[in-house]
PDB file of N, CA and C in Angstrom:
ATOM      1  N   UNK A   1       0.919  -1.268   0.078  1.00  0.00           N
ATOM      2  CA  UNK A   1      -0.588   0.153   0.038  1.00  0.00           C
ATOM      3  C   UNK A   1       0.406   1.245   0.302  1.00  0.00           C
ATOM      4  N   UNK A   2      -0.017   2.061  -0.574  1.00  0.00           N
ATOM      5  CA  UNK A   2       1.467   3.268  -1.356  1.00  0.00           C
ATOM      6  C   UNK A   2       2.273   3.026  -1.585  1.00  0.00           C
ATOM      7  N   UNK A   3       2.572   1.982  -2.448  1.00  0.00           N
ATOM      8  CA  UNK A   3       4.095   2.013  -2.937  1.00  0.00           C
ATOM      9  C   UNK A   3       3.843   2.067  -4.673  1.00  0.00           C
ATOM     10  N   UNK A   4       2.827   1.615  -5.178  1.00  0.00           N
ATOM     11  CA  UNK A   4       2.742   2.130  -6.827  1.00  0.00           C
ATOM     12  C   UNK A   4       1.927   2.960  -6.641  1.00  0.00           C
ATOM     13  N   UNK A   5       2.405   3.414  -8.467  1.00  0.00           N
ATOM     14  CA  UNK A   5       1.486   4.299  -9.638  1.00  0.00           C
ATOM     15  C   UNK A   5       1.035   3.962 -10.312  1.00  0.00           C
ATOM     16  N   UNK A   6       0.337   4.214 -11.131  1.00  0.00           N
ATOM     17  CA  UNK A   6       0.321   4.276 -12.843  1.00  0.00           C
ATOM     18  C   UNK A   6      -1.263   3.732 -13.039  1.00  0.00           C
ATOM     19  N   UNK A   7      -1.279   2.545 -13.908  1.00  0.00           N
ATOM     20  CA  UNK A   7      -2.757   2.476 -14.309  1.00  0.00           C
ATOM     21  C   UNK A   7      -3.537   1.734 -12.958  1.00  0.00           C
ATOM     22  N   UNK A   8      -3.275   1.349 -11.865  1.00  0.00           N
ATOM     23  CA  UNK A   8      -3.911  -0.037 -11.438  1.00  0.00           C
ATOM     24  C   UNK A   8      -4.128   1.789 -10.297  1.00  0.00           C
ATOM     25  N   UNK A   9      -4.225   2.451 -10.271  1.00  0.00           N
ATOM     26  CA  UNK A   9      -4.046   3.488  -9.665  1.00  0.00           C
ATOM     27  C   UNK A   9      -2.750   3.534  -8.243  1.00  0.00           C
ATOM     28  N   UNK A  10      -2.915   4.218  -7.552  1.00  0.00           N
ATOM     29  CA  UNK A  10      -2.465   4.753  -6.146  1.00  0.00           C
ATOM     30  C   UNK A  10      -2.323   3.745  -5.160  1.00  0.00           C
ATOM     31  N   UNK A  11      -3.275   3.096  -4.975  1.00  0.00           N
ATOM     32  CA  UNK A  11      -3.625   2.428  -3.684  1.00  0.00           C
ATOM     33  C   UNK A  11      -3.157   2.852  -2.483  1.00  0.00           C
ATOM     34  N   UNK A  12      -3.404   3.928  -2.004  1.00  0.00           N
ATOM     35  CA  UNK A  12      -3.137   4.355  -0.839  1.00  0.00           C
ATOM     36  C   UNK A  12      -4.295   5.526   0.255  1.00  0.00           C
ATOM     37  N   UNK A  13      -5.243   4.620  -0.630  1.00  0.00           N
ATOM     38  CA  UNK A  13      -6.326   4.359   0.172  1.00  0.00           C
ATOM     39  C   UNK A  13      -7.628   5.973   0.105  1.00  0.00           C
ATOM     40  N   UNK A  14      -6.408   7.240  -0.655  1.00  0.00           N
ATOM     41  CA  UNK A  14      -6.630   8.299  -1.219  1.00  0.00           C
ATOM     42  C   UNK A  14      -7.406   8.511  -2.812  1.00  0.00           C
ATOM     43  N   UNK A  15      -8.963   8.159  -3.178  1.00  0.00           N
ATOM     44  CA  UNK A  15      -9.756   8.151  -4.252  1.00  0.00           C
ATOM     45  C   UNK A  15      -9.294   9.244  -5.513  1.00  0.00           C
ATOM     46  N   UNK A  16      -9.295  10.055  -4.368  1.00  0.00           N
ATOM     47  CA  UNK A  16      -9.240  11.561  -5.586  1.00  0.00           C
ATOM     48  C   UNK A  16      -7.587  11.384  -5.804  1.00  0.00           C
ATOM     49  N   UNK A  17      -6.295  10.729  -6.323  1.00  0.00           N
ATOM     50  CA  UNK A  17      -5.567  10.414  -6.522  1.00  0.00           C
ATOM     51  C   UNK A  17      -5.148   8.892  -7.645  1.00  0.00           C
ATOM     52  N   UNK A  18      -5.809   9.018  -7.553  1.00  0.00           N
ATOM     53  CA  UNK A  18      -6.096   7.358  -8.491  1.00  0.00           C
ATOM     54  C   UNK A  18      -6.124   8.191 -10.190  1.00  0.00           C
ATOM     55  N   UNK A  19      -6.142   8.838 -10.543  1.00  0.00           N
ATOM     56  CA  UNK A  19      -5.817   9.032 -12.037  1.00  0.00           C
ATOM     57  C   UNK A  19      -4.244  10.543 -12.300  1.00  0.00           C
ATOM     58  N   UNK A  20      -4.034   9.292 -11.333  1.00  0.00           N
ATOM     59  CA  UNK A  20      -2.045  10.623 -11.232  1.00  0.00           C
ATOM     60  C   UNK A  20      -1.522   9.894 -12.433  1.00  0.00           C
ATOM     61  N   UNK A  21      -1.093  10.715 -13.697  1.00  0.00           N
ATOM     62  CA  UNK A  21      -0.476  10.382 -14.319  1.00  0.00           C
ATOM     63  C   UNK A  21       1.040  10.401 -14.547  1.00  0.00           C
ATOM     64  N   UNK A  22       1.997   9.097 -14.892  1.00  0.00           N
ATOM     65  CA  UNK A  22       3.449   9.595 -14.810  1.00  0.00           C
ATOM     66  C   UNK A  22       4.070  11.092 -14.490  1.00  0.00           C
ATOM     67  N   UNK A  23       3.497  12.299 -14.956  1.00  0.00           N
ATOM     68  CA  UNK A  23       4.106  13.327 -15.202  1.00  0.00           C
ATOM     69  C   UNK A  23       3.914  14.207 -13.483  1.00  0.00           C
ATOM     70  N   UNK A  24       2.727  13.364 -12.978  1.00  0.00           N
ATOM     71  CA  UNK A  24       2.159  13.569 -11.514  1.00  0.00           C
ATOM     72  C   UNK A  24       0.736  14.193 -11.495  1.00  0.00           C
ATOM     73  N   UNK A  25       0.692  14.426 -12.849  1.00  0.00           N
ATOM     74  CA  UNK A  25      -1.117  15.141 -12.455  1.00  0.00           C
ATOM     75  C   UNK A  25      -1.865  14.391 -12.631  1.00  0.00           C
ATOM     76  N   UNK A  26      -3.196  14.975 -11.843  1.00  0.00           N
ATOM     77  CA  UNK A  26      -3.893  14.305 -11.807  1.00  0.00           C
ATOM     78  C   UNK A  26      -5.486  14.644 -12.620  1.00  0.00           C
ATOM     79  N   UNK A  27      -5.474  13.170 -13.437  1.00  0.00           N
ATOM     80  CA  UNK A  27      -6.723  13.752 -14.739  1.00  0.00           C
ATOM     81  C   UNK A  27      -8.220  13.171 -14.058  1.00  0.00           C
ATOM     82  N   UNK A  28      -8.432  14.147 -14.089  1.00  0.00           N
ATOM     83  CA  UNK A  28     -10.266  14.074 -13.882  1.00  0.00           C
ATOM     84  C   UNK A  28     -11.110  13.169 -14.864  1.00  0.00           C
ATOM     85  N   UNK A  29     -10.623  12.755 -15.527  1.00  0.00           N
ATOM     86  CA  UNK A  29     -11.471  11.859 -16.401  1.00  0.00           C
ATOM     87  C   UNK A  29     -10.528  10.509 -17.028  1.00  0.00           C
ATOM     88  N   UNK A  30     -10.720   9.567 -16.712  1.00  0.00           N
ATOM     89  CA  UNK A  30     -10.336   8.233 -17.694  1.00  0.00           C
ATOM     90  C   UNK A  30     -10.366   8.459 -18.964  1.00  0.00           C
ATOM     91  N   UNK A  31      -9.798   8.841 -20.193  1.00  0.00           N
ATOM     92  CA  UNK A  31     -10.296   8.614 -21.428  1.00  0.00           C
ATOM     93  C   UNK A  31      -8.870   9.618 -21.432  1.00  0.00           C
ATOM     94  N   UNK A  32      -8.622  11.360 -20.673  1.00  0.00           N
ATOM     95  CA  UNK A  32      -7.282  11.692 -20.651  1.00  0.00           C
ATOM     96  C   UNK A  32      -6.137  10.431 -19.838  1.00  0.00           C
ATOM     97  N   UNK A  33      -6.607  10.107 -18.559  1.00  0.00           N
ATOM     98  CA  UNK A  33      -5.953   9.463 -17.487  1.00  0.00           C
ATOM     99  C   UNK A  33      -4.941   8.151 -18.998  1.00  0.00           C
ATOM    100  N   UNK A  34      -6.128   7.445 -19.127  1.00  0.00           N
ATOM    101  CA  UNK A  34      -5.189   6.583 -19.889  1.00  0.00           C
ATOM    102  C   UNK A  34      -4.348   6.897 -21.184  1.00  0.00           C
ATOM    103  N   UNK A  35      -5.007   8.222 -21.708  1.00  0.00           N
ATOM    104  CA  UNK A  35      -3.948   8.589 -23.368  1.00  0.00           C
ATOM    105  C   UNK A  35      -2.885   9.079 -22.272  1.00  0.00           C
ATOM    106  N   UNK A  36      -2.177   9.250 -21.121  1.00  0.00           N
ATOM    107  CA  UNK A  36      -1.231   9.946 -20.663  1.00  0.00           C
ATOM    108  C   UNK A  36      -0.186   8.869 -20.815  1.00  0.00           C
ATOM    109  N   UNK A  37      -0.239   7.476 -20.890  1.00  0.00           N
ATOM    110  CA  UNK A  37      -0.258   6.077 -20.556  1.00  0.00           C
ATOM    111  C   UNK A  37       0.301   5.757 -21.677  1.00  0.00           C
ATOM    112  N   UNK A  38      -0.222   6.045 -22.740  1.00  0.00           N
ATOM    113  CA  UNK A  38       0.038   5.321 -24.764  1.00  0.00           C
ATOM    114  C   UNK A  38       0.717   5.586 -24.726  1.00  0.00           C
ATOM    115  N   UNK A  39       1.545   5.068 -25.680  1.00  0.00           N
ATOM    116  CA  UNK A  39       2.728   4.770 -26.480  1.00  0.00           C
ATOM    117  C   UNK A  39       2.723   5.196 -27.370  1.00  0.00           C
ATOM    118  N   UNK A  40       3.139   6.620 -27.979  1.00  0.00           N
ATOM    119  CA  UNK A  40       2.775   7.275 -29.208  1.00  0.00           C
ATOM    120  C   UNK A  40       3.058   6.647 -30.778  1.00  0.00           C
ATOM    121  N   UNK A  41       1.340   6.317 -31.405  1.00  0.00           N
ATOM    122  CA  UNK A  41       1.690   5.667 -33.140  1.00  0.00           C
ATOM    123  C   UNK A  41       1.392   4.440 -32.271  1.00  0.00           C
ATOM    124  N   UNK A  42       1.253   3.812 -31.449  1.00  0.00           N
ATOM    125  CA  UNK A  42       0.722   2.053 -30.719  1.00  0.00           C
ATOM    126  C   UNK A  42      -0.606   1.826 -30.962  1.00  0.00           C
ATOM    127  N   UNK A  43      -1.764   2.594 -30.980  1.00  0.00           N
ATOM    128  CA  UNK A  43      -2.924   2.724 -30.350  1.00  0.00           C
ATOM    129  C   UNK A  43      -3.552   4.254 -30.648  1.00  0.00           C
ATOM    130  N   UNK A  44      -4.685   4.479 -31.268  1.00  0.00           N
ATOM    131  CA  UNK A  44      -5.529   5.460 -31.097  1.00  0.00           C
ATOM    132  C   UNK A  44      -6.512   5.588 -29.544  1.00  0.00           C
ATOM    133  N   UNK A  45      -6.191   7.536 -30.098  1.00  0.00           N
ATOM    134  CA  UNK A  45      -6.245   7.940 -28.353  1.00  0.00           C
ATOM    135  C   UNK A  45      -7.551   7.978 -28.307  1.00  0.00           C
ATOM    136  N   UNK A  46      -8.181   7.805 -26.310  1.00  0.00           N
ATOM    137  CA  UNK A  46      -9.316   7.375 -26.605  1.00  0.00           C
ATOM    138  C   UNK A  46      -9.868   8.962 -26.442  1.00  0.00           C
ATOM    139  N   UNK A  47     -11.378   8.859 -26.755  1.00  0.00           N
ATOM    140  CA  UNK A  47     -12.076  10.518 -27.048  1.00  0.00           C
ATOM    141  C   UNK A  47     -12.501  10.012 -25.570  1.00  0.00           C
ATOM    142  N   UNK A  48     -13.650  11.225 -25.365  1.00  0.00           N
ATOM    143  CA  UNK A  48     -14.121  12.215 -24.753  1.00  0.00           C
ATOM    144  C   UNK A  48     -15.297  10.690 -23.293  1.00  0.00           C
ATOM    145  N   UNK A  49     -15.209   9.909 -24.621  1.00  0.00           N
ATOM    146  CA  UNK A  49     -16.160   8.683 -23.885  1.00  0.00           C
ATOM    147  C   UNK A  49     -16.019   7.284 -24.476  1.00  0.00           C
ATOM    148  N   UNK A  50     -16.314   6.710 -23.338  1.00  0.00           N
ATOM    149  CA  UNK A  50     -15.322   5.110 -23.354  1.00  0.00           C
ATOM    150  C   UNK A  50     -16.471   4.818 -23.308  1.00  0.00           C
ATOM    151  N   UNK A  51     -15.574   3.720 -24.952  1.00  0.00           N
ATOM    152  CA  UNK A  51     -16.564   3.071 -25.358  1.00  0.00           C
ATOM    153  C   UNK A  51     -16.706   1.360 -24.536  1.00  0.00           C
ATOM    154  N   UNK A  52     -17.823   0.558 -25.200  1.00  0.00           N
ATOM    155  CA  UNK A  52     -18.125  -0.146 -24.251  1.00  0.00           C
ATOM    156  C   UNK A  52     -17.845  -1.303 -24.731  1.00  0.00           C
ATOM    157  N   UNK A  53     -17.836  -2.069 -24.241  1.00  0.00           N
ATOM    158  CA  UNK A  53     -16.314  -3.224 -24.185  1.00  0.00           C
ATOM    159  C   UNK A  53     -17.809  -4.042 -24.766  1.00  0.00           C
ATOM    160  N   UNK A  54     -19.089  -4.287 -24.636  1.00  0.00           N
ATOM    161  CA  UNK A  54     -19.855  -4.968 -25.658  1.00  0.00           C
ATOM    162  C   UNK A  54     -20.307  -5.301 -26.441  1.00  0.00           C
ATOM    163  N   UNK A  55     -20.325  -3.834 -27.203  1.00  0.00           N
ATOM    164  CA  UNK A  55     -20.475  -3.170 -28.467  1.00  0.00           C
ATOM    165  C   UNK A  55     -19.590  -4.641 -29.100  1.00  0.00           C
ATOM    166  N   UNK A  56     -18.665  -4.291 -28.778  1.00  0.00           N
ATOM    167  CA  UNK A  56     -17.816  -4.786 -30.464  1.00  0.00           C
ATOM    168  C   UNK A  56     -18.064  -6.791 -30.551  1.00  0.00           C
ATOM    169  N   UNK A  57     -18.615  -7.134 -29.349  1.00  0.00           N
ATOM    170  CA  UNK A  57     -19.048  -8.570 -29.484  1.00  0.00           C
ATOM    171  C   UNK A  57     -20.159  -9.069 -29.076  1.00  0.00           C
ATOM    172  N   UNK A  58     -21.381  -9.401 -30.055  1.00  0.00           N
ATOM    173  CA  UNK A  58     -22.652  -9.314 -30.133  1.00  0.00           C
ATOM    174  C   UNK A  58     -22.939 -10.589 -29.293  1.00  0.00           C
ATOM    175  N   UNK A  59     -24.041 -10.458 -27.835  1.00  0.00           N
ATOM    176  CA  UNK A  59     -24.177 -11.876 -27.298  1.00  0.00           C
ATOM    177  C   UNK A  59     -23.282 -11.260 -25.836  1.00  0.00           C
ATOM    178  N   UNK A  60     -22.597 -10.818 -25.516  1.00  0.00           N
ATOM    179  CA  UNK A  60     -21.877 -10.972 -25.109  1.00  0.00           C
ATOM    180  C   UNK A  60     -22.330  -9.982 -23.237  1.00  0.00           C
ATOM    181  N   UNK A  61     -23.048  -8.917 -23.792  1.00  0.00           N
ATOM    182  CA  UNK A  61     -24.133  -8.229 -22.346  1.00  0.00           C
ATOM    183  C   UNK A  61     -24.700  -9.350 -21.577  1.00  0.00           C
ATOM    184  N   UNK A  62     -24.795 -10.000 -22.753  1.00  0.00           N
ATOM    185  CA  UNK A  62     -26.229 -10.922 -21.670  1.00  0.00           C
ATOM    186  C   UNK A  62     -25.367 -11.824 -21.095  1.00  0.00           C
ATOM    187  N   UNK A  63     -24.293 -12.308 -21.687  1.00  0.00           N
ATOM    188  CA  UNK A  63     -23.476 -13.848 -20.643  1.00  0.00           C
ATOM    189  C   UNK A  63     -22.931 -12.801 -19.075  1.00  0.00           C
ATOM    190  N   UNK A  64     -22.195 -11.489 -19.507  1.00  0.00           N
ATOM    191  CA  UNK A  64     -21.813 -10.381 -18.744  1.00  0.00           C
ATOM    192  C   UNK A  64     -23.445 -10.396 -17.423  1.00  0.00           C
ATOM    193  N   UNK A  65     -23.853 -10.066 -17.931  1.00  0.00           N
ATOM    194  CA  UNK A  65     -25.144  -9.729 -16.871  1.00  0.00           C
ATOM    195  C   UNK A  65     -25.619 -11.078 -16.491  1.00  0.00           C
ATOM    196  N   UNK A  66     -25.236 -12.158 -16.927  1.00  0.00           N
ATOM    197  CA  UNK A  66     -25.999 -13.283 -16.130  1.00  0.00           C
ATOM    198  C   UNK A  66     -24.543 -13.905 -15.053  1.00  0.00           C
ATOM    199  N   UNK A  67     -23.379 -13.737 -15.427  1.00  0.00           N
ATOM    200  CA  UNK A  67     -21.953 -13.795 -14.464  1.00  0.00           C
ATOM    201  C   UNK A  67     -22.904 -12.197 -13.173  1.00  0.00           C
ATOM    202  N   UNK A  68     -22.821 -11.372 -13.331  1.00  0.00           N
ATOM    203  CA  UNK A  68     -23.177 -10.471 -12.613  1.00  0.00           C
ATOM    204  C   UNK A  68     -24.009 -10.662 -11.841  1.00  0.00           C
ATOM    205  N   UNK A  69     -24.991 -11.299 -11.900  1.00  0.00           N
ATOM    206  CA  UNK A  69     -26.533 -11.580 -11.297  1.00  0.00           C
ATOM    207  C   UNK A  69     -26.091 -12.808 -10.793  1.00  0.00           C
ATOM    208  N   UNK A  70     -25.056 -13.666 -10.078  1.00  0.00           N
ATOM    209  CA  UNK A  70     -24.496 -14.584  -9.860  1.00  0.00           C
ATOM    210  C   UNK A  70     -23.779 -13.600  -8.591  1.00  0.00           C
ATOM    211  N   UNK A  71     -22.943 -13.236  -9.006  1.00  0.00           N
ATOM    212  CA  UNK A  71     -22.211 -12.059  -8.088  1.00  0.00           C
ATOM    213  C   UNK A  71     -22.657 -11.578  -7.298  1.00  0.00           C
ATOM    214  N   UNK A  72     -23.735 -11.005  -7.390  1.00  0.00           N
ATOM    215  CA  UNK A  72     -24.543 -10.128  -6.522  1.00  0.00           C
ATOM    216  C   UNK A  72     -25.779 -10.912  -5.686  1.00  0.00           C
ATOM    217  N   UNK A  73     -26.065 -12.034  -6.300  1.00  0.00           N
ATOM    218  CA  UNK A  73     -26.589 -12.864  -5.518  1.00  0.00           C
ATOM    219  C   UNK A  73     -26.626 -13.368  -4.551  1.00  0.00           C
ATOM    220  N   UNK A  74     -27.717 -13.944  -3.104  1.00  0.00           N
ATOM    221  CA  UNK A  74     -27.090 -14.109  -2.157  1.00  0.00           C
ATOM    222  C   UNK A  74     -26.444 -15.343  -1.749  1.00  0.00           C
ATOM    223  N   UNK A  75     -26.288 -15.691  -2.581  1.00  0.00           N
ATOM    224  CA  UNK A  75     -24.100 -17.064  -2.973  1.00  0.00           C
ATOM    225  C   UNK A  75     -23.382 -16.149  -2.119  1.00  0.00           C
ATOM    226  N   UNK A  76     -22.959 -14.882  -2.384  1.00  0.00           N
ATOM    227  CA  UNK A  76     -22.295 -13.753  -2.165  1.00  0.00           C
ATOM    228  C   UNK A  76     -22.033 -12.864  -1.033  1.00  0.00           C
ATOM    229  N   UNK A  77     -23.551 -12.397  -0.646  1.00  0.00           N
ATOM    230  CA  UNK A  77     -23.757 -11.687   0.128  1.00  0.00           C
ATOM    231  C   UNK A  77     -24.039 -12.016   1.843  1.00  0.00           C
TER     232      UNK A  77
END
């Protein structure tokens, strides 16, 4: 705890600094934060909205919602 920094956050209990960039800036949004770690030319920059991962995989949303229902169900309460 308190010894990491990067795409997985800071793990220090303070959520206000989870989006700290390699330069030490704290970004307010996910896209700007992720773009700070992007290698130039490796992939396109994220826009202001985050793409829905289920849009690229038809049928995935239903499977994901079914799996989540199990995790949110009485067995895990």
